[in-house]
Amino acid sequence: MSTPARTADRPADAVAGLLAALAIFGSCLALAYRPVRVIPFTILIALIAAAIGGRHQRLAAYAVGISGACFIVGTFFAIITNHPIF
């Protein structure tokens, strides 16, 4: 009987997870604040987390999607309610 070798988690996996979570949090926070000023940075952070990949690859993919959706929704609501977008 052979057992699979245990693969150790890389420190980059933890960094990718933290970056993805930060991108999701920042995107949701920017819905109430200025979306065009904040969300492009969260999209960049989410893309960096996706490039690192690793164990949190699915979370990073969700972060990219959520950031993009928050950009569209936040900009829409800022224009509708006459809030500043920049």
N, C-alpha and C. Protein backbone atom coordinates (compact mmCIF):
# COMPACT_ATOMS: atom_id res chain seq x y z
N MET A 1 0.84 -1.15 0.00
CA MET A 1 0.00 0.00 0.00
C MET A 1 0.90 1.24 0.00
N SER A 2 0.61 2.12 -0.91
CA SER A 2 1.41 3.35 -0.95
C SER A 2 0.53 4.52 -0.51
N THR A 3 1.13 5.37 0.21
CA THR A 3 0.43 6.57 0.67
C THR A 3 0.97 7.75 -0.12
N PRO A 4 0.13 8.69 -0.44
CA PRO A 4 0.62 9.85 -1.18
C PRO A 4 1.53 10.69 -0.30
N ALA A 5 2.53 11.23 -0.93
CA ALA A 5 3.46 12.08 -0.19
C ALA A 5 2.74 13.36 0.23
N ARG A 6 3.01 13.75 1.43
CA ARG A 6 2.37 14.95 1.95
C ARG A 6 3.10 16.16 1.39
N THR A 7 2.34 17.01 0.76
CA THR A 7 2.94 18.21 0.21
C THR A 7 2.81 19.33 1.23
N ALA A 8 3.89 19.99 1.46
CA ALA A 8 3.88 21.09 2.42
C ALA A 8 3.30 22.33 1.76
N ASP A 9 2.58 23.09 2.55
CA ASP A 9 2.02 24.34 2.05
C ASP A 9 3.15 25.37 1.91
N ARG A 10 3.12 26.06 0.82
CA ARG A 10 4.11 27.11 0.60
C ARG A 10 3.64 28.38 1.29
N PRO A 11 4.56 29.23 1.69
CA PRO A 11 4.15 30.53 2.26
C PRO A 11 3.38 31.37 1.25
N ALA A 12 3.64 31.17 -0.03
CA ALA A 12 2.92 31.93 -1.05
C ALA A 12 1.44 31.59 -1.06
N ASP A 13 1.08 30.37 -0.66
CA ASP A 13 -0.34 30.00 -0.59
C ASP A 13 -1.07 30.86 0.43
N ALA A 14 -0.45 31.08 1.57
CA ALA A 14 -1.07 31.92 2.60
C ALA A 14 -1.19 33.36 2.12
N VAL A 15 -0.15 33.85 1.44
CA VAL A 15 -0.18 35.22 0.93
C VAL A 15 -1.29 35.37 -0.12
N ALA A 16 -1.43 34.38 -0.99
CA ALA A 16 -2.48 34.44 -2.02
C ALA A 16 -3.87 34.45 -1.38
N GLY A 17 -4.07 33.67 -0.35
CA GLY A 17 -5.36 33.67 0.35
C GLY A 17 -5.65 35.00 1.01
N LEU A 18 -4.64 35.57 1.65
CA LEU A 18 -4.84 36.87 2.29
C LEU A 18 -5.11 37.97 1.26
N LEU A 19 -4.39 37.94 0.15
CA LEU A 19 -4.63 38.94 -0.88
C LEU A 19 -6.02 38.82 -1.49
N ALA A 20 -6.47 37.59 -1.69
CA ALA A 20 -7.81 37.38 -2.24
C ALA A 20 -8.88 37.87 -1.27
N ALA A 21 -8.70 37.57 0.00
CA ALA A 21 -9.67 38.03 1.01
C ALA A 21 -9.65 39.55 1.12
N LEU A 22 -8.47 40.15 1.03
CA LEU A 22 -8.36 41.60 1.07
C LEU A 22 -9.04 42.24 -0.14
N ALA A 23 -8.91 41.62 -1.29
CA ALA A 23 -9.55 42.14 -2.50
C ALA A 23 -11.07 42.09 -2.39
N ILE A 24 -11.59 41.00 -1.84
CA ILE A 24 -13.04 40.88 -1.67
C ILE A 24 -13.54 41.92 -0.67
N PHE A 25 -12.84 42.06 0.44
CA PHE A 25 -13.24 43.03 1.46
C PHE A 25 -13.17 44.46 0.91
N GLY A 26 -12.09 44.78 0.21
CA GLY A 26 -11.95 46.13 -0.35
C GLY A 26 -13.00 46.44 -1.40
N SER A 27 -13.36 45.45 -2.19
CA SER A 27 -14.38 45.66 -3.22
C SER A 27 -15.74 45.92 -2.60
N CYS A 28 -16.06 45.16 -1.58
CA CYS A 28 -17.35 45.37 -0.91
C CYS A 28 -17.38 46.69 -0.16
N LEU A 29 -16.25 47.08 0.39
CA LEU A 29 -16.16 48.36 1.09
C LEU A 29 -16.29 49.53 0.11
N ALA A 30 -15.76 49.36 -1.09
CA ALA A 30 -15.80 50.43 -2.08
C ALA A 30 -17.19 50.65 -2.66
N LEU A 31 -18.10 49.73 -2.44
CA LEU A 31 -19.48 49.96 -2.89
C LEU A 31 -20.08 51.17 -2.21
N ALA A 32 -19.73 51.40 -0.94
CA ALA A 32 -20.26 52.53 -0.20
C ALA A 32 -19.39 53.78 -0.34
N TYR A 33 -18.14 53.60 -0.75
CA TYR A 33 -17.21 54.71 -0.92
C TYR A 33 -17.05 54.97 -2.41
N ARG A 34 -16.00 55.55 -2.83
CA ARG A 34 -15.77 55.90 -4.23
C ARG A 34 -15.27 54.68 -5.01
N PRO A 35 -16.12 54.08 -5.82
CA PRO A 35 -15.76 52.81 -6.46
C PRO A 35 -14.65 52.91 -7.49
N VAL A 36 -14.60 53.98 -8.26
CA VAL A 36 -13.58 54.07 -9.31
C VAL A 36 -12.21 54.36 -8.72
N ARG A 37 -12.16 54.87 -7.53
CA ARG A 37 -10.89 55.16 -6.87
C ARG A 37 -10.31 53.92 -6.20
N VAL A 38 -11.14 53.03 -5.68
CA VAL A 38 -10.66 51.91 -4.87
C VAL A 38 -10.64 50.59 -5.64
N ILE A 39 -11.67 50.29 -6.39
CA ILE A 39 -11.84 48.96 -6.96
C ILE A 39 -10.78 48.58 -7.99
N PRO A 40 -10.23 49.50 -8.80
CA PRO A 40 -9.14 49.05 -9.69
C PRO A 40 -7.95 48.46 -8.93
N PHE A 41 -7.67 48.98 -7.75
CA PHE A 41 -6.59 48.41 -6.94
C PHE A 41 -6.96 47.04 -6.40
N THR A 42 -8.23 46.86 -6.05
CA THR A 42 -8.64 45.54 -5.57
C THR A 42 -8.64 44.52 -6.69
N ILE A 43 -8.96 44.96 -7.90
CA ILE A 43 -8.88 44.05 -9.05
C ILE A 43 -7.42 43.64 -9.28
N LEU A 44 -6.50 44.60 -9.15
CA LEU A 44 -5.08 44.29 -9.30
C LEU A 44 -4.61 43.32 -8.22
N ILE A 45 -5.04 43.52 -7.00
CA ILE A 45 -4.68 42.62 -5.90
C ILE A 45 -5.26 41.23 -6.15
N ALA A 46 -6.49 41.15 -6.65
CA ALA A 46 -7.10 39.86 -6.94
C ALA A 46 -6.36 39.15 -8.07
N LEU A 47 -5.93 39.89 -9.07
CA LEU A 47 -5.18 39.28 -10.17
C LEU A 47 -3.81 38.78 -9.71
N ILE A 48 -3.19 39.50 -8.80
CA ILE A 48 -1.91 39.03 -8.23
C ILE A 48 -2.13 37.75 -7.44
N ALA A 49 -3.21 37.69 -6.67
CA ALA A 49 -3.53 36.48 -5.91
C ALA A 49 -3.81 35.31 -6.85
N ALA A 50 -4.47 35.58 -7.97
CA ALA A 50 -4.74 34.53 -8.94
C ALA A 50 -3.46 34.06 -9.62
N ALA A 51 -2.52 34.97 -9.83
CA ALA A 51 -1.25 34.59 -10.44
C ALA A 51 -0.41 33.73 -9.50
N ILE A 52 -0.49 34.00 -8.22
CA ILE A 52 0.24 33.19 -7.25
C ILE A 52 -0.35 31.79 -7.21
N GLY A 53 -1.67 31.72 -7.30
CA GLY A 53 -2.36 30.41 -7.37
C GLY A 53 -2.22 29.62 -6.09
N GLY A 54 -1.88 28.36 -6.24
CA GLY A 54 -1.72 27.51 -5.07
C GLY A 54 -3.04 26.98 -4.56
N ARG A 55 -3.08 26.79 -3.27
CA ARG A 55 -4.24 26.18 -2.63
C ARG A 55 -5.48 27.05 -2.68
N HIS A 56 -5.30 28.37 -2.74
CA HIS A 56 -6.42 29.31 -2.72
C HIS A 56 -6.76 29.81 -4.12
N GLN A 57 -6.60 28.98 -5.11
CA GLN A 57 -6.83 29.39 -6.49
C GLN A 57 -8.30 29.72 -6.74
N ARG A 58 -9.19 28.94 -6.18
CA ARG A 58 -10.63 29.20 -6.37
C ARG A 58 -11.06 30.48 -5.67
N LEU A 59 -10.52 30.74 -4.48
CA LEU A 59 -10.83 31.98 -3.78
C LEU A 59 -10.34 33.18 -4.57
N ALA A 60 -9.17 33.06 -5.18
CA ALA A 60 -8.64 34.16 -5.99
C ALA A 60 -9.51 34.39 -7.23
N ALA A 61 -10.01 33.33 -7.82
CA ALA A 61 -10.91 33.48 -8.97
C ALA A 61 -12.21 34.16 -8.55
N TYR A 62 -12.73 33.79 -7.40
CA TYR A 62 -13.93 34.47 -6.89
C TYR A 62 -13.63 35.94 -6.61
N ALA A 63 -12.45 36.24 -6.11
CA ALA A 63 -12.08 37.62 -5.81
C ALA A 63 -12.05 38.46 -7.08
N VAL A 64 -11.54 37.90 -8.17
CA VAL A 64 -11.53 38.64 -9.44
C VAL A 64 -12.96 38.90 -9.90
N GLY A 65 -13.81 37.91 -9.82
CA GLY A 65 -15.21 38.06 -10.24
C GLY A 65 -15.98 39.04 -9.37
N ILE A 66 -15.79 38.93 -8.07
CA ILE A 66 -16.49 39.83 -7.15
C ILE A 66 -16.01 41.27 -7.33
N SER A 67 -14.72 41.44 -7.54
CA SER A 67 -14.19 42.79 -7.75
C SER A 67 -14.75 43.41 -9.03
N GLY A 68 -14.83 42.63 -10.08
CA GLY A 68 -15.40 43.14 -11.33
C GLY A 68 -16.87 43.48 -11.20
N ALA A 69 -17.61 42.61 -10.52
CA ALA A 69 -19.03 42.88 -10.31
C ALA A 69 -19.25 44.10 -9.42
N CYS A 70 -18.44 44.24 -8.39
CA CYS A 70 -18.57 45.40 -7.50
C CYS A 70 -18.22 46.69 -8.23
N PHE A 71 -17.29 46.62 -9.18
CA PHE A 71 -16.96 47.81 -9.96
C PHE A 71 -18.17 48.27 -10.78
N ILE A 72 -18.82 47.34 -11.42
CA ILE A 72 -19.98 47.67 -12.25
C ILE A 72 -21.13 48.16 -11.39
N VAL A 73 -21.45 47.42 -10.34
CA VAL A 73 -22.57 47.79 -9.47
C VAL A 73 -22.29 49.09 -8.73
N GLY A 74 -21.08 49.25 -8.20
CA GLY A 74 -20.74 50.46 -7.47
C GLY A 74 -20.77 51.69 -8.33
N THR A 75 -20.26 51.58 -9.55
CA THR A 75 -20.30 52.71 -10.47
C THR A 75 -21.74 53.04 -10.86
N PHE A 76 -22.55 52.01 -11.09
CA PHE A 76 -23.95 52.22 -11.43
C PHE A 76 -24.68 52.97 -10.33
N PHE A 77 -24.53 52.51 -9.08
CA PHE A 77 -25.23 53.17 -7.97
C PHE A 77 -24.67 54.56 -7.69
N ALA A 78 -23.38 54.77 -7.89
CA ALA A 78 -22.82 56.10 -7.68
C ALA A 78 -23.36 57.09 -8.71
N ILE A 79 -23.55 56.64 -9.93
CA ILE A 79 -24.09 57.53 -10.96
C ILE A 79 -25.57 57.80 -10.71
N ILE A 80 -26.31 56.75 -10.36
CA ILE A 80 -27.75 56.91 -10.11
C ILE A 80 -28.02 57.84 -8.93
N THR A 81 -27.24 57.73 -7.87
CA THR A 81 -27.49 58.52 -6.66
C THR A 81 -26.70 59.82 -6.62
N ASN A 82 -26.01 60.16 -7.71
CA ASN A 82 -25.22 61.39 -7.81
C ASN A 82 -24.12 61.50 -6.77
N HIS A 83 -23.55 60.39 -6.37
CA HIS A 83 -22.38 60.38 -5.50
C HIS A 83 -21.13 60.50 -6.37
N PRO A 84 -20.06 61.04 -5.82
CA PRO A 84 -18.83 61.10 -6.64
C PRO A 84 -18.23 59.72 -6.86
N ILE A 85 -17.75 59.47 -8.07
CA ILE A 85 -17.16 58.17 -8.36
C ILE A 85 -15.64 58.20 -8.23
N PHE A 86 -15.04 59.40 -8.24
CA PHE A 86 -13.59 59.51 -8.11
C PHE A 86 -13.20 59.92 -6.73
